Amino acid sequence: MRQLTVGLTLAVIAVIGAALALRGHQAPASPVASATAPSRPSAAEPVPGSTLAANGSVPIPGGCAAVPDACGFPDGTNTGVPPGLALRSVPGQVSSGPGWGYNPADGQVDVTGEGAVLTGLSIHCNLNISASKVTINDDSVVAGGLFGISLRHTADVTIEHSTISGLNATYGRVSYAIDDIYGDSTGMVIKDNNVSFFSHGLQVSSGSLTGNYIHNPGYIVGDHSDGIFDPGTTRSLTITGNTILNSLGQTAAISLDASAEDQAVANKTIENNLLGGGGYVIYGGAARNDQISHIVIKNNRFSRIYYPKSGQYGPVAYFDTRGTGNAWTGNIWDATGQPVHGP
């Protein structure tokens, strides 16, 4: 890992020292309970202290959230489209390729060919994938409306090293940056992407989500904002090595909560992520008397960059360590390295 220069460290200290004060607390709410628009807090001054970078040698004032890549976490320097890569605009410079094409009637790019590879493209509309074994690599997908990238009944789709965002942080925000619409896609790999200006960053219920930088959600009245949202399933999902920072006071960085009562929620692993923000940082799946099992939350760093409890009300809610196979272990406060105790 590269060493931080003294100049960068001083710059980080200056930025943190100039951050704004924390907003007040309100009564906790469930993930879908409140349609009231929260005020958008600015980044607040973290709790004093420092932590060590991943190599154990470089102190990072205020914690890793100030400069995530210095601690080995994703941020704008190591995710998304690589700097300097020339992209071809769709449909301006190119409108089709093997297995995909721009659909002017629907105003979207449709991927229908198995094994299609889309790389080096700049797409300003929904990228709609209905084929399997598709690879999205080094692409920019910037769109308002419902979807950035949508998946419909797919298998083994990889989305990597891409930038996916809404148009802006308000009415141009995208509802779902990446969405498995029917919740039945399998074998998804979503890695090393830069995701912003969304109501829901990634809405998926299975596969591998790793190395993504999910940050700066957008907001319009009525939104319930999540970095990653699994709508309460028993399908296997791993969330590892991501930076997920929700600057809003609702809803979560990661939510596993189902929308119905007495539903089984199981087989989720949340590990080695840098997390912060939302009402609670993690909703653990049991919000509506749902039965949760084999949910493992371990070795994550909880940042206080927005709130003194990491989330506005705390680091976790609706998680039960007594459930079969459930575990809360090794989670720490970002700035101090002290344990974050479970519910």
Protein backbone atom coordinates (compact mmCIF):
# COMPACT_ATOMS: atom_id res chain seq x y z
CA MET A 1 0.00 0.00 0.00
CA ARG A 2 1.26 3.42 -0.85
CA GLN A 3 2.34 5.69 2.05
CA LEU A 4 0.47 8.92 2.69
CA THR A 5 2.55 12.05 2.29
CA VAL A 6 2.74 14.56 5.11
CA GLY A 7 0.92 17.05 2.90
CA LEU A 8 -2.03 14.70 2.38
CA THR A 9 -2.26 13.99 6.11
CA LEU A 10 -2.34 17.71 6.91
CA ALA A 11 -5.00 18.23 4.25
CA VAL A 12 -7.16 15.51 5.77
CA ILE A 13 -6.83 17.09 9.21
CA ALA A 14 -7.87 20.45 7.77
CA VAL A 15 -10.93 19.00 6.05
CA ILE A 16 -12.08 17.16 9.15
CA GLY A 17 -11.48 20.15 11.38
CA ALA A 18 -13.69 22.33 9.13
CA ALA A 19 -16.63 19.88 9.08
CA LEU A 20 -20.01 20.98 10.36
CA ALA A 21 -21.75 20.10 13.64
CA LEU A 22 -23.92 17.04 14.05
CA ARG A 23 -27.70 17.31 13.64
CA GLY A 24 -30.01 16.41 16.53
CA HIS A 25 -31.54 13.01 17.23
CA GLN A 26 -35.10 12.00 16.52
CA ALA A 27 -37.15 8.96 17.46
CA PRO A 28 -35.96 5.82 15.61
CA ALA A 29 -37.98 4.59 12.65
CA SER A 30 -38.17 1.31 10.79
CA PRO A 31 -36.76 1.22 7.24
CA VAL A 32 -40.13 1.89 5.60
CA ALA A 33 -41.94 3.72 8.35
CA SER A 34 -41.26 7.38 7.61
CA ALA A 35 -41.89 9.38 4.47
CA THR A 36 -40.75 12.61 6.06
CA ALA A 37 -37.84 14.29 4.29
CA PRO A 38 -34.84 14.54 6.58
CA SER A 39 -32.51 17.47 6.41
CA ARG A 40 -29.29 16.56 4.64
CA PRO A 41 -26.43 16.73 7.14
CA SER A 42 -22.99 17.84 6.14
CA ALA A 43 -20.03 15.69 7.08
CA ALA A 44 -19.56 16.24 10.78
CA GLU A 45 -16.37 16.24 12.78
CA PRO A 46 -15.47 12.65 13.72
CA VAL A 47 -14.77 11.69 17.28
CA PRO A 48 -11.14 12.63 18.03
CA GLY A 49 -8.58 9.90 17.64
CA SER A 50 -6.74 8.06 14.95
CA THR A 51 -6.54 4.60 13.52
CA LEU A 52 -3.89 2.67 11.65
CA ALA A 53 -4.01 2.03 7.94
CA ALA A 54 -4.35 -1.55 6.79
CA ASN A 55 -0.56 -2.04 6.87
CA GLY A 56 -0.50 -0.96 10.53
CA SER A 57 1.97 1.87 9.98
CA VAL A 58 0.19 5.06 8.90
CA PRO A 59 -2.11 6.87 11.35
CA ILE A 60 -5.23 8.29 9.71
CA PRO A 61 -6.65 11.21 11.76
CA GLY A 62 -10.37 10.77 12.39
CA GLY A 63 -10.49 7.28 10.89
CA CYS A 64 -10.44 5.59 7.52
CA ALA A 65 -13.57 7.33 6.22
CA ALA A 66 -11.52 10.49 5.64
CA VAL A 67 -9.27 8.73 3.09
CA PRO A 68 -10.59 5.18 2.58
CA ASP A 69 -7.94 4.00 0.13
CA ALA A 70 -5.21 4.80 2.69
CA CYS A 71 -6.71 1.98 4.77
CA GLY A 72 -7.15 -0.35 1.82
CA PHE A 73 -10.83 0.47 1.28
CA PRO A 74 -12.51 1.58 -1.93
CA ASP A 75 -13.00 5.26 -2.75
CA GLY A 76 -12.92 7.48 -5.80
CA THR A 77 -9.26 6.72 -6.49
CA ASN A 78 -9.59 2.97 -6.99
CA THR A 79 -13.12 2.31 -8.24
CA GLY A 80 -15.18 3.11 -11.31
CA VAL A 81 -13.93 3.82 -14.79
CA PRO A 82 -10.12 4.09 -14.73
CA PRO A 83 -8.84 7.67 -15.08
CA GLY A 84 -7.94 8.67 -18.61
CA LEU A 85 -9.90 5.90 -20.30
CA ALA A 86 -11.58 7.24 -23.44
CA LEU A 87 -15.22 6.16 -23.58
CA ARG A 88 -17.48 5.90 -26.63
CA SER A 89 -20.87 7.53 -26.18
CA VAL A 90 -24.07 5.54 -26.76
CA PRO A 91 -25.84 6.09 -29.09
CA GLY A 92 -23.81 9.07 -30.37
CA GLN A 93 -20.63 7.22 -31.36
CA VAL A 94 -21.80 3.63 -31.24
CA SER A 95 -25.31 2.22 -30.98
CA SER A 96 -24.86 -1.55 -30.99
CA GLY A 97 -22.45 -4.42 -30.61
CA PRO A 98 -22.51 -8.22 -30.31
CA GLY A 99 -25.50 -9.06 -28.10
CA TRP A 100 -26.59 -5.50 -27.33
CA GLY A 101 -28.12 -2.43 -28.92
CA TYR A 102 -29.66 0.93 -28.20
CA ASN A 103 -33.47 0.80 -28.30
CA PRO A 104 -34.72 4.27 -29.35
CA ALA A 105 -38.37 3.35 -28.73
CA ASP A 106 -37.71 2.67 -25.04
CA GLY A 107 -34.73 5.00 -24.72
CA GLN A 108 -32.54 2.30 -23.21
CA VAL A 109 -29.71 -0.07 -24.04
CA ASP A 110 -30.92 -3.68 -24.20
CA VAL A 111 -28.50 -6.55 -23.63
CA THR A 112 -30.07 -9.72 -24.99
CA GLY A 113 -27.14 -11.86 -26.15
CA GLU A 114 -25.62 -14.46 -23.86
CA GLY A 115 -21.98 -13.71 -23.14
CA ALA A 116 -22.18 -10.11 -24.36
CA VAL A 117 -19.34 -7.84 -23.24
CA LEU A 118 -19.85 -4.09 -22.97
CA THR A 119 -16.67 -2.17 -22.26
CA GLY A 120 -15.48 1.41 -22.61
CA LEU A 121 -18.97 2.86 -23.12
CA SER A 122 -20.62 6.04 -21.85
CA ILE A 123 -24.34 5.32 -21.49
CA HIS A 124 -26.85 8.02 -20.47
CA CYS A 125 -29.91 5.83 -20.07
CA ASN A 126 -31.03 2.56 -18.49
CA LEU A 127 -28.75 -0.37 -19.27
CA ASN A 128 -31.23 -3.26 -19.28
CA ILE A 129 -29.75 -6.77 -19.08
CA SER A 130 -31.93 -9.80 -19.84
CA ALA A 131 -29.19 -12.23 -20.89
CA SER A 132 -26.76 -14.35 -18.90
CA LYS A 133 -22.96 -14.45 -18.68
CA VAL A 134 -22.84 -10.75 -19.53
CA THR A 135 -19.86 -8.59 -18.57
CA ILE A 136 -20.11 -4.85 -17.94
CA ASN A 137 -16.57 -3.50 -17.63
CA ASP A 138 -15.08 0.01 -17.60
CA ASP A 139 -18.41 1.62 -18.46
CA SER A 140 -20.10 4.81 -17.29
CA VAL A 141 -23.86 4.58 -16.76
CA VAL A 142 -25.39 7.92 -15.74
CA ALA A 143 -29.16 8.12 -15.73
CA GLY A 144 -32.12 9.59 -13.88
CA GLY A 145 -35.47 7.89 -13.45
CA LEU A 146 -35.90 4.34 -12.21
CA PHE A 147 -32.82 2.38 -13.20
CA GLY A 148 -29.15 2.74 -13.99
CA ILE A 149 -28.48 -0.95 -14.60
CA SER A 150 -31.42 -3.37 -14.41
CA LEU A 151 -31.21 -7.16 -14.43
CA ARG A 152 -34.10 -9.39 -15.48
CA HIS A 153 -33.91 -13.17 -14.91
CA THR A 154 -30.14 -13.34 -15.46
CA ALA A 155 -27.31 -15.64 -14.39
CA ASP A 156 -23.60 -15.02 -13.97
CA VAL A 157 -23.58 -11.31 -14.79
CA THR A 158 -20.44 -9.37 -13.84
CA ILE A 159 -20.48 -5.60 -13.35
CA GLU A 160 -17.00 -4.27 -12.61
CA HIS A 161 -14.82 -1.16 -12.68
CA SER A 162 -17.76 0.96 -13.76
CA THR A 163 -19.26 4.27 -12.68
CA ILE A 164 -23.01 4.14 -12.05
CA SER A 165 -24.87 7.22 -10.87
CA GLY A 166 -27.87 9.48 -11.13
CA LEU A 167 -27.70 12.86 -12.79
CA ASN A 168 -27.55 14.79 -9.52
CA ALA A 169 -28.37 14.54 -5.83
CA THR A 170 -31.99 15.74 -6.05
CA TYR A 171 -34.62 15.20 -8.75
CA GLY A 172 -32.04 13.75 -11.09
CA ARG A 173 -31.15 10.95 -8.70
CA VAL A 174 -31.67 7.40 -9.97
CA SER A 175 -34.06 5.23 -7.96
CA TYR A 176 -31.92 2.10 -8.32
CA ALA A 177 -28.32 2.33 -9.52
CA ILE A 178 -28.20 -1.47 -9.91
CA ASP A 179 -31.39 -3.50 -9.48
CA ASP A 180 -32.14 -7.21 -9.77
CA ILE A 181 -35.75 -6.37 -10.59
CA TYR A 182 -37.35 -9.76 -10.00
CA GLY A 183 -34.93 -10.89 -7.31
CA ASP A 184 -34.16 -14.13 -9.12
CA SER A 185 -30.82 -13.45 -10.83
CA THR A 186 -28.02 -15.79 -9.78
CA GLY A 187 -24.25 -15.71 -9.76
CA MET A 188 -23.94 -11.92 -9.83
CA VAL A 189 -20.51 -10.41 -9.26
CA ILE A 190 -20.57 -6.66 -8.62
CA LYS A 191 -17.12 -5.32 -7.84
CA ASP A 192 -14.93 -2.23 -7.86
CA ASN A 193 -17.70 0.12 -8.96
CA ASN A 194 -18.25 3.78 -8.01
CA VAL A 195 -21.95 4.31 -7.20
CA SER A 196 -23.59 7.62 -6.27
CA PHE A 197 -26.72 9.85 -6.55
CA PHE A 198 -29.23 7.07 -5.89
CA SER A 199 -32.16 6.25 -3.67
CA HIS A 200 -31.04 2.60 -3.58
CA GLY A 201 -27.47 1.89 -4.60
CA LEU A 202 -27.55 -1.87 -5.09
CA GLN A 203 -30.80 -3.80 -4.72
CA VAL A 204 -29.83 -7.45 -4.92
CA SER A 205 -30.42 -10.59 -2.88
CA SER A 206 -27.65 -12.98 -3.95
CA GLY A 207 -24.14 -13.06 -5.32
CA SER A 208 -20.92 -11.26 -4.41
CA LEU A 209 -20.63 -7.52 -3.79
CA THR A 210 -17.03 -6.52 -3.19
CA GLY A 211 -14.72 -3.53 -3.51
CA ASN A 212 -17.47 -1.04 -4.33
CA TYR A 213 -17.56 2.63 -3.29
CA ILE A 214 -21.19 3.48 -2.55
CA HIS A 215 -21.62 7.07 -1.42
CA ASN A 216 -23.45 10.41 -1.75
CA PRO A 217 -27.04 9.22 -2.13
CA GLY A 218 -29.55 11.50 -3.76
CA TYR A 219 -32.83 12.40 -2.12
CA ILE A 220 -36.34 13.48 -3.01
CA VAL A 221 -39.30 13.52 -0.64
CA GLY A 222 -40.49 9.99 0.17
CA ASP A 223 -37.20 8.22 -0.50
CA HIS A 224 -35.96 5.47 1.79
CA SER A 225 -32.27 5.47 1.01
CA ASP A 226 -29.94 2.49 1.24
CA GLY A 227 -26.44 1.80 -0.01
CA ILE A 228 -27.23 -1.90 -0.37
CA PHE A 229 -30.76 -3.28 0.00
CA ASP A 230 -31.58 -6.98 0.12
CA PRO A 231 -35.38 -7.23 0.34
CA GLY A 232 -35.30 -10.05 2.86
CA THR A 233 -34.50 -13.44 1.31
CA THR A 234 -32.74 -16.70 2.18
CA ARG A 235 -30.46 -16.60 -0.85
CA SER A 236 -26.71 -16.41 -0.26
CA LEU A 237 -25.26 -12.90 -0.42
CA THR A 238 -21.75 -11.76 0.51
CA ILE A 239 -20.97 -8.08 1.07
CA THR A 240 -17.22 -7.73 1.57
CA GLY A 241 -14.56 -5.05 1.33
CA ASN A 242 -16.86 -2.18 0.34
CA THR A 243 -17.00 1.44 1.45
CA ILE A 244 -20.66 2.35 2.04
CA LEU A 245 -21.35 5.84 3.38
CA ASN A 246 -24.93 7.12 3.58
CA SER A 247 -24.88 10.82 4.44
CA LEU A 248 -28.64 10.86 5.06
CA GLY A 249 -30.33 10.35 8.42
CA GLN A 250 -32.31 7.46 6.91
CA THR A 251 -32.41 4.57 6.10
CA ALA A 252 -29.18 2.50 6.12
CA ALA A 253 -25.82 1.71 4.61
CA ILE A 254 -26.98 -1.93 4.40
CA SER A 255 -30.53 -3.19 4.91
CA LEU A 256 -31.54 -6.86 4.98
CA ASP A 257 -35.10 -6.21 6.11
CA ALA A 258 -38.07 -7.82 4.39
CA SER A 259 -41.24 -5.92 3.56
CA ALA A 260 -43.54 -8.61 5.01
CA GLU A 261 -43.98 -10.09 8.48
CA ASP A 262 -42.89 -13.59 9.54
CA GLN A 263 -40.55 -14.01 6.58
CA ALA A 264 -37.33 -16.01 6.70
CA VAL A 265 -34.17 -13.96 6.13
CA ALA A 266 -30.93 -15.95 6.03
CA ASN A 267 -27.51 -16.66 4.54
CA LYS A 268 -25.96 -13.19 4.43
CA THR A 269 -22.37 -12.23 5.21
CA ILE A 270 -21.32 -8.62 5.84
CA GLU A 271 -17.56 -8.57 6.37
CA ASN A 272 -14.59 -6.19 6.26
CA ASN A 273 -16.56 -3.16 5.09
CA LEU A 274 -16.14 0.53 5.97
CA LEU A 275 -19.61 1.74 6.92
CA GLY A 276 -21.39 4.83 8.20
CA GLY A 277 -24.57 6.86 8.13
CA GLY A 278 -28.27 6.29 7.71
CA GLY A 279 -30.79 5.91 10.54
CA TYR A 280 -29.03 2.74 11.57
CA VAL A 281 -25.95 1.67 9.62
CA ILE A 282 -27.23 -1.91 9.32
CA TYR A 283 -30.76 -3.22 9.51
CA GLY A 284 -30.26 -6.88 10.38
CA GLY A 285 -33.35 -8.51 8.91
CA ALA A 286 -35.73 -8.92 11.85
CA ALA A 287 -37.73 -5.67 11.68
CA ARG A 288 -41.14 -7.33 11.31
CA ASN A 289 -40.82 -10.42 13.46
CA ASP A 290 -38.97 -12.05 10.60
CA GLN A 291 -36.94 -15.14 11.47
CA ILE A 292 -33.25 -14.55 10.78
CA SER A 293 -30.49 -17.17 10.64
CA HIS A 294 -26.97 -17.56 9.31
CA ILE A 295 -26.42 -13.81 9.13
CA VAL A 296 -22.79 -13.01 9.90
CA ILE A 297 -21.67 -9.43 10.53
CA LYS A 298 -17.96 -9.34 11.29
CA ASN A 299 -14.78 -7.29 11.09
CA ASN A 300 -16.46 -4.12 9.83
CA ARG A 301 -15.34 -0.57 10.63
CA PHE A 302 -18.10 1.82 11.73
CA SER A 303 -17.34 5.45 10.95
CA ARG A 304 -18.67 8.43 12.90
CA ILE A 305 -18.13 10.79 9.99
CA TYR A 306 -21.83 11.79 10.01
CA TYR A 307 -23.16 10.84 13.45
CA PRO A 308 -21.61 10.06 16.85
CA LYS A 309 -23.31 6.64 16.81
CA SER A 310 -22.25 6.00 13.20
CA GLY A 311 -25.88 5.87 12.14
CA GLN A 312 -28.16 8.60 13.45
CA TYR A 313 -29.53 6.18 16.05
CA GLY A 314 -26.80 3.56 16.18
CA PRO A 315 -24.74 1.01 14.28
CA VAL A 316 -27.32 -1.79 14.03
CA ALA A 317 -30.98 -2.57 14.57
CA TYR A 318 -33.21 -5.62 14.22
CA PHE A 319 -30.41 -8.15 14.53
CA ASP A 320 -30.56 -11.11 16.92
CA THR A 321 -27.33 -12.90 17.80
CA ARG A 322 -29.38 -15.77 19.28
CA GLY A 323 -30.59 -16.95 15.88
CA THR A 324 -29.07 -20.09 14.38
CA GLY A 325 -25.73 -19.28 12.78
CA ASN A 326 -25.98 -15.54 13.45
CA ALA A 327 -22.82 -13.74 14.55
CA TRP A 328 -21.69 -10.24 15.46
CA THR A 329 -17.93 -10.26 15.97
CA GLY A 330 -14.80 -8.21 15.40
CA ASN A 331 -16.66 -5.00 14.49
CA ILE A 332 -14.85 -1.82 15.56
CA TRP A 333 -15.16 1.95 15.66
CA ASP A 334 -13.24 3.40 12.77
CA ALA A 335 -11.45 6.19 14.62
CA THR A 336 -10.48 4.30 17.78
CA GLY A 337 -10.36 0.60 16.98
CA GLN A 338 -12.53 -0.10 20.02
CA PRO A 339 -15.19 -2.82 19.76
CA VAL A 340 -18.67 -1.98 18.53
CA HIS A 341 -20.99 -4.03 20.68
CA GLY A 342 -23.92 -5.73 19.05
CA PRO A 343 -27.56 -5.35 19.98
